[in-house]
Amino acid sequence: MFAARSTCSRPREAGVERVVFASSHHVVGYYPRTRRIGTHVLLRPDSRYGLTKGFGEQVGAMFADKYGLRVLCIRIGYVDDKPVDRRRLSIWSSWRDLAQLVRIGLTHEDLRYAVVYGVSNNIRGFFDNDTAFKLGYRPQDDAEAHAAAVLAEVPAEDPSLVGTHAMGGWGANNEYVGPVERIYEW
């Protein structure tokens, strides 16, 4: 969580009014890539990492309700100068687009609690980012500008691995037992 520096062990008691929580798309990592999902879906974490990020989102909701904090949870996909593989063409964010979301979390007048996806305006995107758009998010970048190079350089993924089918990619592969088709059942 990002919060103002404080010598107090309880930032809210020191007057912190806003929190921007760096969550992850891994909280919904077991959704198949063939779906397009918003922020109000059931969490389907693909790893213990995703599970803890889901817990963090719920802590933010509780603190917004209980103490009146203003909380923005950003489910970050992949942030770098450019995407590096096929899946990341769907979950990529430029640095300036992510900075815009953080700024919204720190300044938006009507924000109480919200969850958004930390992704740019990717044509191949998995996520419906309507909540972010309602808060004024206007992404400037699209992974499609890098698609030709990524598709030419990166080999196809192994279809026998669940991570090839799941939004979470490699995170979904860890400790997965059973047929890949199971992630499509619900």
C-alpha atoms as a PDB file:
ATOM      1  CA  MET A   1       0.000   0.000   0.000  1.00  0.00           C
ATOM      2  CA  PHE A   2       1.145   3.526  -0.689  1.00  0.00           C
ATOM      3  CA  ALA A   3       0.475   5.961   2.095  1.00  0.00           C
ATOM      4  CA  ALA A   4       1.951   9.165   3.425  1.00  0.00           C
ATOM      5  CA  ARG A   5       5.075   8.708   5.564  1.00  0.00           C
ATOM      6  CA  SER A   6       4.380   8.737   9.248  1.00  0.00           C
ATOM      7  CA  THR A   7       6.213   8.001  12.459  1.00  0.00           C
ATOM      8  CA  CYS A   8       2.959   6.621  13.798  1.00  0.00           C
ATOM      9  CA  SER A   9       2.445   2.879  13.439  1.00  0.00           C
ATOM     10  CA  ARG A  10      -1.143   3.471  12.372  1.00  0.00           C
ATOM     11  CA  PRO A  11      -1.237   5.786   9.342  1.00  0.00           C
ATOM     12  CA  ARG A  12      -4.987   6.380   9.597  1.00  0.00           C
ATOM     13  CA  GLU A  13      -4.498   7.732  13.132  1.00  0.00           C
ATOM     14  CA  ALA A  14      -1.812  10.041  11.746  1.00  0.00           C
ATOM     15  CA  GLY A  15      -4.330  11.557   9.357  1.00  0.00           C
ATOM     16  CA  VAL A  16      -3.769   9.513   6.194  1.00  0.00           C
ATOM     17  CA  GLU A  17      -6.979   9.832   4.215  1.00  0.00           C
ATOM     18  CA  ARG A  18      -6.152   7.938   1.016  1.00  0.00           C
ATOM     19  CA  VAL A  19      -4.528   4.642   0.124  1.00  0.00           C
ATOM     20  CA  VAL A  20      -3.562   3.346  -3.316  1.00  0.00           C
ATOM     21  CA  PHE A  21      -3.128  -0.419  -3.053  1.00  0.00           C
ATOM     22  CA  ALA A  22      -0.957  -2.157  -5.651  1.00  0.00           C
ATOM     23  CA  SER A  23      -3.034  -5.264  -6.280  1.00  0.00           C
ATOM     24  CA  SER A  24      -2.545  -7.687  -9.149  1.00  0.00           C
ATOM     25  CA  HIS A  25      -4.394  -9.279 -12.043  1.00  0.00           C
ATOM     26  CA  HIS A  26      -3.423 -12.579 -10.380  1.00  0.00           C
ATOM     27  CA  VAL A  27      -6.506 -12.167  -8.128  1.00  0.00           C
ATOM     28  CA  VAL A  28      -8.498 -13.228 -11.222  1.00  0.00           C
ATOM     29  CA  GLY A  29      -5.757 -15.312 -12.809  1.00  0.00           C
ATOM     30  CA  TYR A  30      -7.800 -18.494 -13.273  1.00  0.00           C
ATOM     31  CA  TYR A  31     -10.320 -16.873 -15.592  1.00  0.00           C
ATOM     32  CA  PRO A  32      -9.823 -18.129 -19.141  1.00  0.00           C
ATOM     33  CA  ARG A  33      -8.317 -15.699 -21.603  1.00  0.00           C
ATOM     34  CA  THR A  34     -11.378 -16.137 -23.812  1.00  0.00           C
ATOM     35  CA  ARG A  35     -13.459 -14.101 -21.332  1.00  0.00           C
ATOM     36  CA  ARG A  36     -13.589 -10.367 -20.798  1.00  0.00           C
ATOM     37  CA  ILE A  37     -14.175  -9.533 -17.145  1.00  0.00           C
ATOM     38  CA  GLY A  38     -14.826  -6.469 -15.051  1.00  0.00           C
ATOM     39  CA  THR A  39     -13.871  -5.776 -11.464  1.00  0.00           C
ATOM     40  CA  HIS A  40     -17.048  -7.184  -9.918  1.00  0.00           C
ATOM     41  CA  VAL A  41     -16.401 -10.831 -10.777  1.00  0.00           C
ATOM     42  CA  LEU A  42     -15.746 -13.523  -8.212  1.00  0.00           C
ATOM     43  CA  LEU A  43     -12.059 -13.653  -7.364  1.00  0.00           C
ATOM     44  CA  ARG A  44     -10.254 -16.676  -8.847  1.00  0.00           C
ATOM     45  CA  PRO A  45      -6.665 -16.278  -7.636  1.00  0.00           C
ATOM     46  CA  ASP A  46      -4.081 -18.337  -9.490  1.00  0.00           C
ATOM     47  CA  SER A  47      -1.523 -18.459  -6.688  1.00  0.00           C
ATOM     48  CA  ARG A  48      -0.892 -17.639  -3.064  1.00  0.00           C
ATOM     49  CA  TYR A  49       0.380 -14.290  -4.314  1.00  0.00           C
ATOM     50  CA  GLY A  50      -2.989 -13.616  -5.979  1.00  0.00           C
ATOM     51  CA  LEU A  51      -4.775 -14.787  -2.839  1.00  0.00           C
ATOM     52  CA  THR A  52      -2.902 -12.300  -0.650  1.00  0.00           C
ATOM     53  CA  LYS A  53      -3.616  -9.479  -3.102  1.00  0.00           C
ATOM     54  CA  GLY A  54      -7.333 -10.369  -2.929  1.00  0.00           C
ATOM     55  CA  PHE A  55      -7.088 -10.197   0.861  1.00  0.00           C
ATOM     56  CA  GLY A  56      -5.468  -6.762   0.563  1.00  0.00           C
ATOM     57  CA  GLU A  57      -8.360  -5.535  -1.580  1.00  0.00           C
ATOM     58  CA  GLN A  58     -10.799  -6.683   1.096  1.00  0.00           C
ATOM     59  CA  VAL A  59      -8.783  -4.981   3.829  1.00  0.00           C
ATOM     60  CA  GLY A  60      -9.062  -1.789   1.788  1.00  0.00           C
ATOM     61  CA  ALA A  61     -12.836  -2.212   1.544  1.00  0.00           C
ATOM     62  CA  MET A  62     -13.114  -2.749   5.291  1.00  0.00           C
ATOM     63  CA  PHE A  63     -11.002   0.331   6.065  1.00  0.00           C
ATOM     64  CA  ALA A  64     -13.078   2.407   3.649  1.00  0.00           C
ATOM     65  CA  ASP A  65     -16.269   1.271   5.410  1.00  0.00           C
ATOM     66  CA  LYS A  66     -14.996   1.277   8.985  1.00  0.00           C
ATOM     67  CA  TYR A  67     -12.748   4.331   9.022  1.00  0.00           C
ATOM     68  CA  GLY A  68     -13.761   6.364   5.989  1.00  0.00           C
ATOM     69  CA  LEU A  69     -10.458   5.980   4.139  1.00  0.00           C
ATOM     70  CA  ARG A  70     -10.523   6.583   0.405  1.00  0.00           C
ATOM     71  CA  VAL A  71      -9.037   3.499  -1.222  1.00  0.00           C
ATOM     72  CA  LEU A  72      -8.168   2.672  -4.815  1.00  0.00           C
ATOM     73  CA  CYS A  73      -7.016  -0.884  -5.550  1.00  0.00           C
ATOM     74  CA  ILE A  74      -5.167  -1.164  -8.853  1.00  0.00           C
ATOM     75  CA  ARG A  75      -4.990  -4.687 -10.273  1.00  0.00           C
ATOM     76  CA  ILE A  76      -1.698  -4.253 -12.080  1.00  0.00           C
ATOM     77  CA  GLY A  77      -1.062  -6.423 -15.111  1.00  0.00           C
ATOM     78  CA  TYR A  78       2.429  -5.949 -16.499  1.00  0.00           C
ATOM     79  CA  VAL A  79       4.174  -2.572 -16.414  1.00  0.00           C
ATOM     80  CA  ASP A  80       7.247  -1.886 -18.501  1.00  0.00           C
ATOM     81  CA  ASP A  81       8.341   0.002 -21.599  1.00  0.00           C
ATOM     82  CA  LYS A  82       6.706  -2.632 -23.821  1.00  0.00           C
ATOM     83  CA  PRO A  83       5.008  -6.041 -23.561  1.00  0.00           C
ATOM     84  CA  VAL A  84       7.261  -9.077 -23.925  1.00  0.00           C
ATOM     85  CA  ASP A  85       4.906 -11.907 -24.933  1.00  0.00           C
ATOM     86  CA  ARG A  86       1.443 -12.668 -26.307  1.00  0.00           C
ATOM     87  CA  ARG A  87      -0.375 -12.649 -22.967  1.00  0.00           C
ATOM     88  CA  ARG A  88       1.166  -9.362 -21.957  1.00  0.00           C
ATOM     89  CA  LEU A  89      -0.254  -7.739 -25.088  1.00  0.00           C
ATOM     90  CA  SER A  90      -3.527  -8.030 -23.124  1.00  0.00           C
ATOM     91  CA  ILE A  91      -2.373  -6.994 -19.633  1.00  0.00           C
ATOM     92  CA  TRP A  92       0.339  -4.404 -20.381  1.00  0.00           C
ATOM     93  CA  SER A  93       0.404  -0.900 -18.946  1.00  0.00           C
ATOM     94  CA  SER A  94       2.713   1.931 -19.835  1.00  0.00           C
ATOM     95  CA  TRP A  95       4.300   3.796 -16.962  1.00  0.00           C
ATOM     96  CA  ARG A  96       2.366   6.971 -17.747  1.00  0.00           C
ATOM     97  CA  ASP A  97      -0.979   5.135 -17.782  1.00  0.00           C
ATOM     98  CA  LEU A  98      -0.233   3.547 -14.410  1.00  0.00           C
ATOM     99  CA  ALA A  99       0.839   6.946 -13.046  1.00  0.00           C
ATOM    100  CA  GLN A 100      -2.499   8.371 -14.180  1.00  0.00           C
ATOM    101  CA  LEU A 101      -4.365   5.711 -12.160  1.00  0.00           C
ATOM    102  CA  VAL A 102      -2.263   6.405  -9.062  1.00  0.00           C
ATOM    103  CA  ARG A 103      -2.984  10.111  -9.456  1.00  0.00           C
ATOM    104  CA  ILE A 104      -6.714   9.359  -9.641  1.00  0.00           C
ATOM    105  CA  GLY A 105      -6.432   7.351  -6.422  1.00  0.00           C
ATOM    106  CA  LEU A 106      -4.708  10.225  -4.665  1.00  0.00           C
ATOM    107  CA  THR A 107      -6.921  13.069  -5.887  1.00  0.00           C
ATOM    108  CA  HIS A 108     -10.378  11.972  -7.130  1.00  0.00           C
ATOM    109  CA  GLU A 109     -13.020  13.860  -5.166  1.00  0.00           C
ATOM    110  CA  ASP A 110     -15.737  11.168  -5.254  1.00  0.00           C
ATOM    111  CA  LEU A 111     -13.545   8.140  -4.585  1.00  0.00           C
ATOM    112  CA  ARG A 112     -14.520   6.081  -1.564  1.00  0.00           C
ATOM    113  CA  TYR A 113     -13.443   2.566  -2.563  1.00  0.00           C
ATOM    114  CA  ALA A 114     -12.870   1.177  -6.030  1.00  0.00           C
ATOM    115  CA  VAL A 115     -11.017  -1.577  -7.826  1.00  0.00           C
ATOM    116  CA  VAL A 116      -9.594  -0.911 -11.293  1.00  0.00           C
ATOM    117  CA  TYR A 117      -7.301  -2.714 -13.694  1.00  0.00           C
ATOM    118  CA  GLY A 118      -3.832  -1.255 -14.145  1.00  0.00           C
ATOM    119  CA  VAL A 119      -3.706  -1.752 -17.903  1.00  0.00           C
ATOM    120  CA  SER A 120      -3.384   0.536 -20.891  1.00  0.00           C
ATOM    121  CA  ASN A 121      -6.044   0.758 -23.605  1.00  0.00           C
ATOM    122  CA  ASN A 122      -5.094  -2.614 -25.121  1.00  0.00           C
ATOM    123  CA  ILE A 123      -7.189  -3.817 -28.055  1.00  0.00           C
ATOM    124  CA  ARG A 124      -6.435  -7.412 -27.009  1.00  0.00           C
ATOM    125  CA  GLY A 125      -7.310  -6.721 -23.358  1.00  0.00           C
ATOM    126  CA  PHE A 126      -8.986  -9.246 -21.057  1.00  0.00           C
ATOM    127  CA  PHE A 127     -10.418  -6.621 -18.739  1.00  0.00           C
ATOM    128  CA  ASP A 128     -13.439  -4.348 -18.838  1.00  0.00           C
ATOM    129  CA  ASN A 129     -12.053  -1.274 -17.087  1.00  0.00           C
ATOM    130  CA  ASP A 130     -15.351   0.606 -16.906  1.00  0.00           C
ATOM    131  CA  THR A 131     -14.812   1.462 -13.225  1.00  0.00           C
ATOM    132  CA  ALA A 132     -11.542   3.234 -14.071  1.00  0.00           C
ATOM    133  CA  PHE A 133     -13.147   5.081 -16.981  1.00  0.00           C
ATOM    134  CA  LYS A 134     -15.943   6.321 -14.683  1.00  0.00           C
ATOM    135  CA  LEU A 135     -13.233   7.771 -12.426  1.00  0.00           C
ATOM    136  CA  GLY A 136     -11.798   9.687 -15.400  1.00  0.00           C
ATOM    137  CA  TYR A 137      -9.058   7.308 -16.520  1.00  0.00           C
ATOM    138  CA  ARG A 138      -8.029   8.000 -20.108  1.00  0.00           C
ATOM    139  CA  PRO A 139      -5.166   5.660 -21.065  1.00  0.00           C
ATOM    140  CA  GLN A 140      -2.735   7.054 -23.595  1.00  0.00           C
ATOM    141  CA  ASP A 141      -1.087   3.845 -24.782  1.00  0.00           C
ATOM    142  CA  ASP A 142      -2.008   0.502 -26.397  1.00  0.00           C
ATOM    143  CA  ALA A 143       0.129  -2.648 -26.528  1.00  0.00           C
ATOM    144  CA  GLU A 144      -0.885  -3.039 -30.168  1.00  0.00           C
ATOM    145  CA  ALA A 145       1.920  -0.640 -31.069  1.00  0.00           C
ATOM    146  CA  HIS A 146       4.293  -3.461 -30.052  1.00  0.00           C
ATOM    147  CA  ALA A 147       2.237  -6.437 -31.287  1.00  0.00           C
ATOM    148  CA  ALA A 148       3.985  -7.095 -34.598  1.00  0.00           C
ATOM    149  CA  ALA A 149       7.402  -7.328 -32.945  1.00  0.00           C
ATOM    150  CA  VAL A 150       6.135  -9.497 -30.064  1.00  0.00           C
ATOM    151  CA  LEU A 151       4.280 -11.899 -32.351  1.00  0.00           C
ATOM    152  CA  ALA A 152       7.285 -12.219 -34.670  1.00  0.00           C
ATOM    153  CA  GLU A 153       9.826 -12.825 -31.892  1.00  0.00           C
ATOM    154  CA  VAL A 154       8.026 -14.850 -29.237  1.00  0.00           C
ATOM    155  CA  PRO A 155       7.258 -18.552 -29.799  1.00  0.00           C
ATOM    156  CA  ALA A 156       3.752 -19.922 -29.302  1.00  0.00           C
ATOM    157  CA  GLU A 157       2.827 -21.052 -25.801  1.00  0.00           C
ATOM    158  CA  ASP A 158       2.467 -24.709 -24.797  1.00  0.00           C
ATOM    159  CA  PRO A 159      -1.282 -25.532 -24.945  1.00  0.00           C
ATOM    160  CA  SER A 160      -0.858 -28.373 -22.443  1.00  0.00           C
ATOM    161  CA  LEU A 161      -0.139 -25.832 -19.667  1.00  0.00           C
ATOM    162  CA  VAL A 162      -3.054 -24.193 -17.873  1.00  0.00           C
ATOM    163  CA  GLY A 163      -1.172 -20.880 -17.895  1.00  0.00           C
ATOM    164  CA  THR A 164      -1.504 -20.773 -21.672  1.00  0.00           C
ATOM    165  CA  HIS A 165      -5.281 -20.637 -21.221  1.00  0.00           C
ATOM    166  CA  ALA A 166      -5.545 -18.630 -17.983  1.00  0.00           C
ATOM    167  CA  MET A 167      -5.265 -14.858 -17.604  1.00  0.00           C
ATOM    168  CA  GLY A 168      -2.625 -15.359 -14.927  1.00  0.00           C
ATOM    169  CA  GLY A 169      -0.151 -17.075 -17.234  1.00  0.00           C
ATOM    170  CA  TRP A 170       2.806 -18.590 -15.383  1.00  0.00           C
ATOM    171  CA  GLY A 171       1.119 -17.983 -12.021  1.00  0.00           C
ATOM    172  CA  ALA A 172      -1.632 -20.391 -12.982  1.00  0.00           C
ATOM    173  CA  ASN A 173       0.834 -23.187 -13.769  1.00  0.00           C
ATOM    174  CA  ASN A 174       2.269 -23.462 -10.269  1.00  0.00           C
ATOM    175  CA  GLU A 175       0.853 -26.468  -8.403  1.00  0.00           C
ATOM    176  CA  TYR A 176      -2.038 -26.880 -10.860  1.00  0.00           C
ATOM    177  CA  VAL A 177      -3.420 -30.435 -10.856  1.00  0.00           C
ATOM    178  CA  GLY A 178      -5.880 -31.801 -13.370  1.00  0.00           C
ATOM    179  CA  PRO A 179      -7.061 -31.096 -16.878  1.00  0.00           C
ATOM    180  CA  VAL A 180      -6.649 -27.637 -18.393  1.00  0.00           C
ATOM    181  CA  GLU A 181     -10.326 -27.657 -19.403  1.00  0.00           C
ATOM    182  CA  ARG A 182     -11.386 -27.263 -15.764  1.00  0.00           C
ATOM    183  CA  ILE A 183     -10.780 -23.502 -15.825  1.00  0.00           C
ATOM    184  CA  TYR A 184     -13.486 -23.183 -18.488  1.00  0.00           C
ATOM    185  CA  GLU A 185     -16.166 -24.854 -16.337  1.00  0.00           C
ATOM    186  CA  TRP A 186     -17.293 -21.753 -14.436  1.00  0.00           C
END
